[in-house]
């Protein structure tokens, strides 16, 4: 979340969004800088991943992400200097916040799932680290 200096957290965290339950259908709410700990500059979604499929890993140097399973389910395998954890996303009112320099892989997609990704930065090829060994060297050297 947002710390006292007004900056986004440096910790991976599972966020739960406010919900409004209604017999006609439920509604979940995300508001910039309240439910999302950064200013949203890009939104994209991943869909039509074959059941059991995956999206290969990468991290960003500067970009913060919030990943939400809008439909279906998938796991996010997260690696930080503190170790590796797996988060199962399967509720549209929960999202996984990933600060910069967090290696992540999306795996185990259910059929017809949709992953929504909110980003703090516009797309930039230079921001991506797609080689795990390069990521590991960045982390080891404190870059």
Protein backbone atom coordinates (compact mmCIF):
# COMPACT_ATOMS: atom_id res chain seq x y z
CA UNK A 1 0.00 0.00 0.00
CA UNK A 2 1.04 3.63 0.29
CA UNK A 3 3.61 4.38 2.98
CA UNK A 4 3.95 7.61 5.00
CA UNK A 5 6.17 9.19 2.35
CA UNK A 6 3.40 8.76 -0.22
CA UNK A 7 5.28 6.03 -2.09
CA UNK A 8 4.01 2.57 -2.95
CA UNK A 9 5.05 -0.36 -0.80
CA UNK A 10 8.09 -2.44 -1.65
CA UNK A 11 6.34 -5.61 -0.42
CA UNK A 12 4.34 -8.08 -2.48
CA UNK A 13 0.81 -8.09 -1.07
CA UNK A 14 -2.58 -9.59 -1.73
CA UNK A 15 -5.19 -6.80 -1.78
CA UNK A 16 -8.93 -7.13 -1.33
CA UNK A 17 -11.11 -4.53 -3.01
CA UNK A 18 -14.33 -3.07 -1.62
CA UNK A 19 -17.36 -5.06 -2.73
CA UNK A 20 -21.03 -4.26 -3.00
CA UNK A 21 -23.08 -7.46 -2.82
CA UNK A 22 -26.41 -7.43 -4.58
CA UNK A 23 -28.82 -10.20 -5.67
CA UNK A 24 -28.72 -8.69 -9.18
CA UNK A 25 -24.93 -9.15 -9.34
CA UNK A 26 -21.98 -8.06 -7.27
CA UNK A 27 -19.70 -5.10 -7.88
CA UNK A 28 -16.05 -4.66 -6.88
CA UNK A 29 -14.35 -1.27 -6.88
CA UNK A 30 -10.79 -0.16 -7.59
CA UNK A 31 -9.84 3.47 -7.20
CA UNK A 32 -6.47 4.85 -8.14
CA UNK A 33 -4.24 5.59 -5.14
CA UNK A 34 -6.80 4.05 -2.78
CA UNK A 35 -7.35 0.44 -3.85
CA UNK A 36 -4.33 0.62 -6.14
CA UNK A 37 -1.08 1.88 -4.58
CA UNK A 38 0.10 3.73 -7.70
CA UNK A 39 -1.10 5.97 -10.50
CA UNK A 40 -2.42 3.75 -13.31
CA UNK A 41 -0.75 4.47 -16.65
CA UNK A 42 -1.49 1.23 -18.49
CA UNK A 43 -4.09 -1.54 -18.39
CA UNK A 44 -3.89 -4.80 -20.28
CA UNK A 45 -5.42 -8.25 -19.99
CA UNK A 46 -4.30 -11.77 -20.79
CA UNK A 47 -6.86 -14.21 -22.16
CA UNK A 48 -7.21 -17.38 -24.25
CA UNK A 49 -4.31 -19.05 -22.44
CA UNK A 50 -4.90 -22.80 -22.89
CA UNK A 51 -6.10 -24.60 -19.74
CA UNK A 52 -3.06 -25.51 -17.61
CA UNK A 53 -0.98 -23.03 -19.64
CA UNK A 54 1.51 -20.42 -18.47
CA UNK A 55 3.06 -17.07 -19.29
CA UNK A 56 6.82 -17.12 -18.95
CA UNK A 57 8.45 -15.08 -16.22
CA UNK A 58 9.84 -11.58 -16.17
CA UNK A 59 10.09 -8.53 -13.94
CA UNK A 60 10.20 -4.79 -14.38
CA UNK A 61 12.87 -2.35 -13.28
CA UNK A 62 10.44 0.52 -12.54
CA UNK A 63 6.89 -0.68 -13.15
CA UNK A 64 4.49 -1.57 -10.33
CA UNK A 65 1.75 -4.10 -11.18
CA UNK A 66 -1.57 -5.20 -9.81
CA UNK A 67 -2.76 -8.54 -11.21
CA UNK A 68 -6.41 -9.61 -10.90
CA UNK A 69 -8.19 -12.79 -12.01
CA UNK A 70 -11.30 -11.27 -13.56
CA UNK A 71 -12.52 -14.69 -14.60
CA UNK A 72 -11.31 -18.19 -13.85
CA UNK A 73 -8.11 -18.80 -11.96
CA UNK A 74 -4.34 -18.93 -12.24
CA UNK A 75 -1.32 -18.94 -9.95
CA UNK A 76 1.36 -16.28 -9.73
CA UNK A 77 4.78 -17.60 -8.74
CA UNK A 78 6.68 -14.67 -7.22
CA UNK A 79 10.41 -14.49 -6.53
CA UNK A 80 11.94 -11.74 -4.41
CA UNK A 81 15.23 -11.57 -2.51
CA UNK A 82 13.26 -13.09 0.40
CA UNK A 83 12.36 -16.27 -1.51
CA UNK A 84 9.68 -17.72 -3.76
CA UNK A 85 5.93 -17.81 -3.02
CA UNK A 86 2.88 -18.89 -5.00
CA UNK A 87 -0.38 -16.91 -4.91
CA UNK A 88 -3.58 -18.41 -6.27
CA UNK A 89 -5.84 -15.80 -7.82
CA UNK A 90 -9.44 -16.88 -8.30
CA UNK A 91 -11.62 -14.02 -7.06
CA UNK A 92 -12.28 -10.85 -9.04
CA UNK A 93 -12.27 -8.76 -5.85
CA UNK A 94 -8.68 -9.67 -4.95
CA UNK A 95 -5.47 -8.61 -6.63
CA UNK A 96 -1.77 -9.23 -6.22
CA UNK A 97 0.41 -6.13 -5.90
CA UNK A 98 3.95 -6.54 -7.26
CA UNK A 99 6.55 -3.80 -6.75
CA UNK A 100 9.42 -3.30 -9.22
CA UNK A 101 12.13 -5.97 -9.39
CA UNK A 102 9.72 -8.76 -8.45
CA UNK A 103 10.13 -11.79 -10.72
CA UNK A 104 6.76 -13.30 -11.60
CA UNK A 105 5.40 -16.15 -13.64
CA UNK A 106 1.70 -16.74 -14.35
CA UNK A 107 0.97 -20.46 -14.40
CA UNK A 108 -1.85 -22.97 -14.13
CA UNK A 109 -4.47 -21.00 -16.03
CA UNK A 110 -7.97 -22.42 -15.96
CA UNK A 111 -9.81 -22.59 -19.28
CA UNK A 112 -11.31 -19.21 -20.28
CA UNK A 113 -9.59 -17.28 -17.51
CA UNK A 114 -8.84 -13.58 -17.84
CA UNK A 115 -5.96 -11.84 -16.06
CA UNK A 116 -6.27 -8.07 -15.73
CA UNK A 117 -3.00 -6.19 -15.18
CA UNK A 118 -2.83 -2.58 -13.98
CA UNK A 119 0.57 -0.93 -14.42
CA UNK A 120 2.22 2.21 -13.10
CA UNK A 121 4.18 2.81 -16.32
CA UNK A 122 3.39 2.83 -20.03
CA UNK A 123 4.84 -0.05 -22.02
CA UNK A 124 8.61 0.14 -22.37
CA UNK A 125 10.73 -2.70 -23.72
CA UNK A 126 13.69 -1.31 -21.74
CA UNK A 127 11.84 -1.79 -18.43
CA UNK A 128 11.54 -5.58 -18.87
CA UNK A 129 14.02 -8.08 -17.47
CA UNK A 130 13.21 -11.35 -19.24
CA UNK A 131 16.30 -13.40 -18.33
CA UNK A 132 16.14 -14.92 -14.83
CA UNK A 133 19.95 -14.93 -14.45
CA UNK A 134 20.04 -11.21 -15.28
CA UNK A 135 17.31 -10.65 -12.65
CA UNK A 136 19.30 -12.64 -10.08
CA UNK A 137 22.43 -10.55 -10.77
CA UNK A 138 20.43 -7.31 -10.36
CA UNK A 139 19.11 -8.50 -7.01
CA UNK A 140 22.48 -9.74 -5.77
CA UNK A 141 24.15 -6.43 -6.67
CA UNK A 142 21.39 -4.31 -5.14
CA UNK A 143 20.54 -2.57 -8.40
